Protein backbone atom coordinates (compact mmCIF):
# COMPACT_ATOMS: atom_id res chain seq x y z
CA PHE A 1 112.32 115.90 111.42
CA GLY A 2 111.74 112.79 109.22
CA ARG A 3 110.16 113.06 105.75
CA VAL A 4 108.13 110.12 103.69
CA GLY A 5 107.88 110.83 100.01
CA GLN A 6 104.97 110.14 97.87
CA ALA A 7 106.16 106.94 96.38
CA LEU A 8 109.49 105.50 95.71
CA GLU A 9 110.96 105.13 92.01
CA PHE A 10 113.82 103.15 91.66
CA ASP A 11 115.07 100.39 89.08
CA ARG A 12 113.49 97.36 90.59
CA GLY A 13 116.37 95.11 89.06
CA LEU A 14 118.55 96.42 91.97
CA PRO A 15 119.49 93.81 94.48
CA MET A 16 118.56 96.03 97.16
CA THR A 17 116.86 94.21 100.19
CA VAL A 18 114.59 96.07 102.47
CA ASP A 19 117.65 96.13 105.12
CA ASP A 20 119.96 97.63 102.45
CA PHE A 21 117.54 100.34 101.76
CA MET A 22 116.96 100.94 105.66
CA ALA A 23 120.67 100.93 105.99
CA ALA A 24 121.26 103.25 102.92
CA MET A 25 118.74 105.94 104.03
CA CYS A 26 119.45 105.97 107.97
CA GLN A 27 122.86 105.44 108.71
CA ARG A 28 126.02 107.48 107.98
CA ARG A 29 127.94 104.94 106.22
CA PRO A 30 127.54 102.71 102.77
CA ALA A 31 124.93 100.62 102.75
CA PHE A 32 127.41 97.94 101.56
CA MET A 33 129.27 97.56 104.86
CA GLY A 34 126.11 96.62 106.19
CA LEU A 35 123.59 97.62 109.22
CA SER A 36 125.49 98.92 112.12
CA LYS A 37 124.51 97.94 115.83
CA HIS A 38 123.22 101.25 116.52
CA TYR A 39 120.99 101.23 113.89
CA ALA A 40 119.98 97.81 113.72
CA ALA A 41 117.28 97.57 116.65
CA ALA A 42 116.10 100.77 115.80
CA ILE A 43 115.47 99.32 111.74
CA GLY A 44 114.39 96.45 113.45
CA ASP A 45 111.52 98.41 115.67
CA ALA A 46 110.43 100.64 112.94
CA LEU A 47 109.94 97.97 110.36
CA GLU A 48 108.09 96.07 112.99
CA ARG A 49 105.27 99.26 113.64
CA VAL A 50 104.75 99.22 109.98
CA GLY A 51 104.26 95.21 109.61
CA MET A 52 107.43 94.67 107.37
CA GLN A 53 109.58 93.04 110.07
CA ASP A 54 109.37 89.67 108.32
CA LYS A 55 110.08 91.15 104.78
CA ARG A 56 113.84 92.57 105.64
CA LYS A 57 115.62 90.25 103.55
CA ARG A 58 113.17 90.69 100.33
CA ARG A 59 114.49 92.86 97.35
CA MET A 60 112.75 96.25 97.26
CA GLY A 61 111.81 95.89 93.58
CA ALA A 62 109.75 92.45 94.62
CA LEU A 63 107.65 94.28 97.19
CA SER A 64 104.04 95.81 95.98
CA GLY A 65 103.45 99.42 95.85
CA GLY A 66 101.72 99.34 99.67
CA GLU A 67 104.39 97.52 100.90
CA ARG A 68 107.25 99.61 99.66
CA GLN A 69 105.18 102.83 101.02
CA ARG A 70 105.11 101.11 104.48
CA VAL A 71 108.74 100.53 104.60
CA LEU A 72 109.37 104.45 103.60
CA LEU A 73 106.87 105.12 106.56
CA ALA A 74 109.63 103.09 108.66
CA GLN A 75 112.35 105.13 107.50
CA GLY A 76 110.63 108.33 108.49
CA LEU A 77 111.13 107.20 111.84
CA ILE A 78 114.48 106.94 112.37
CA PRO A 79 115.91 108.91 114.12
CA ALA A 80 112.91 109.31 116.30
CA PRO A 81 111.55 112.63 115.05
CA GLN A 82 109.65 115.59 116.83
CA LEU A 83 108.36 116.70 113.25
CA LEU A 84 107.22 114.62 110.58
CA VAL A 85 106.61 115.51 106.98
CA LEU A 86 104.40 112.91 104.87
CA ASP A 87 103.71 113.63 101.49
CA GLU A 88 100.69 112.01 100.39
CA PRO A 89 101.34 108.84 102.55
CA MET A 90 98.22 106.84 101.97
CA SER A 91 98.43 107.23 98.28
CA ALA A 92 100.11 103.75 97.40
CA LEU A 93 98.91 101.91 100.78
CA ASP A 94 96.76 99.03 100.43
CA GLU A 95 93.85 98.46 102.86
CA ALA A 96 96.42 96.87 105.55
CA GLY A 97 98.79 99.95 105.25
CA ILE A 98 96.24 102.37 105.76
CA GLN A 99 95.26 100.44 109.09
CA VAL A 100 99.14 100.59 109.92
CA PHE A 101 99.03 104.25 109.16
CA GLU A 102 96.17 105.35 110.93
CA ARG A 103 97.90 103.33 113.79
CA LEU A 104 101.09 105.04 113.37
CA LEU A 105 99.10 108.59 113.31
CA GLY A 106 97.54 107.99 116.72
CA ASP A 107 100.82 106.86 118.18
CA TRP A 108 102.36 109.71 117.25
CA ARG A 109 99.59 111.93 118.13
CA ARG A 110 100.07 110.21 121.95
CA SER A 111 103.68 110.85 121.74
CA GLY A 112 103.67 114.57 120.68
CA ILE A 113 105.16 114.42 117.75
CA THR A 114 104.39 117.18 114.88
CA VAL A 115 102.90 115.73 111.77
CA LEU A 116 102.96 118.09 108.74
CA TRP A 117 100.49 116.00 106.39
CA ILE A 118 100.04 116.63 102.69
CA GLU A 119 96.60 114.76 101.64
CA HIS A 120 94.14 114.86 98.94
CA ASP A 121 91.91 112.28 100.30
CA LEU A 122 89.27 114.52 102.10
CA ASP A 123 87.95 111.84 103.60
CA ALA A 124 90.93 110.61 105.22
CA VAL A 125 91.21 114.44 106.26
CA ARG A 126 88.31 114.79 107.93
CA ARG A 127 88.69 111.26 109.46
CA LEU A 128 92.26 111.36 110.83
CA ALA A 129 93.46 115.02 110.92
CA ASP A 130 93.03 117.47 114.10
CA GLN A 131 93.55 120.89 111.94
CA VAL A 132 93.49 121.54 108.06
CA THR A 133 95.25 124.08 106.15
CA GLY A 134 93.81 124.99 102.94
CA LEU A 135 96.58 126.03 100.73
CA ASN A 136 96.16 127.12 96.70
CA ARG A 137 98.97 129.44 96.12
CA ARG A 138 98.16 131.22 99.34
CA VAL A 139 96.81 130.24 102.90
CA LEU A 140 93.02 130.08 102.47
CA PHE A 141 91.95 128.51 105.85
CA ASP A 142 93.52 126.79 108.61
CA GLU A 143 90.81 125.56 111.50
CA PRO A 144 89.80 122.09 113.05
CA ALA A 145 89.08 119.48 110.81
CA ALA A 146 85.61 119.22 112.14
CA THR A 147 84.79 122.83 111.04
CA ALA A 148 87.27 123.45 107.85
CA LEU A 149 86.13 121.18 104.91
CA THR A 150 82.81 123.46 103.63
CA PRO A 151 81.33 122.97 100.40
CA GLU A 152 82.40 126.43 100.16
CA ARG A 153 85.73 126.16 101.17
CA LEU A 154 86.43 122.97 99.10
CA LEU A 155 85.06 125.03 95.69
CA THR A 156 87.47 127.69 96.66
CA LEU A 157 90.27 125.46 97.64
CA PHE A 158 90.11 123.90 94.02
CA SER A 159 88.99 126.77 92.33
CA ALA A 160 90.91 128.18 89.55
CA HIS A 161 90.84 131.92 91.28
CA PRO A 162 90.74 131.08 94.84
CA ARG A 163 89.21 133.50 97.27
CA THR A 164 90.39 134.02 101.09
CA ALA A 165 88.05 132.14 103.75
CA ASP A 166 87.01 136.17 104.81
CA ALA A 167 85.51 136.12 101.29
CA VAL A 168 83.82 132.78 101.29
CA ASN A 169 82.21 133.73 104.73
CA GLY A 170 80.96 136.89 103.60
CA SER A 171 83.45 139.42 105.61
CA VAL A 172 85.88 141.77 103.82
CA ALA A 173 89.09 142.66 105.44
């Protein structure tokens, strides 16, 4: 199980490097003890996959918001998860980071990793998701992305008093 949060908030003055952050998040020993050999290769591979390998010695506080989000994506890859939960992973990404995310999403799909992805960017959902579950206090619909995001469903999804998918389609249970 891997998890990637929406954005990382921390004291930018902390002298924590990308390697320090990854060590603190991924291994079961204090970061001040450095990277264990067991995790060093996995961390290097994860950072390379998100295009941050060359920033390992930079302070986290010196990174842009998009770069920090890419580090968070790398952290979610260790250990290699079967289920990955992403909370608006594209929210802080720059264009290069979005391309990295889209490539990773394809890699995860091919590897059989289940991705539960919370996202409000509906264009990205239409373009990238396989299945869409619309939630507004309850499940409103759960369908393939190609058919899920109709104007009627979007109105229901974002209304103050949502109706179920059956009510939107005109049938009554």
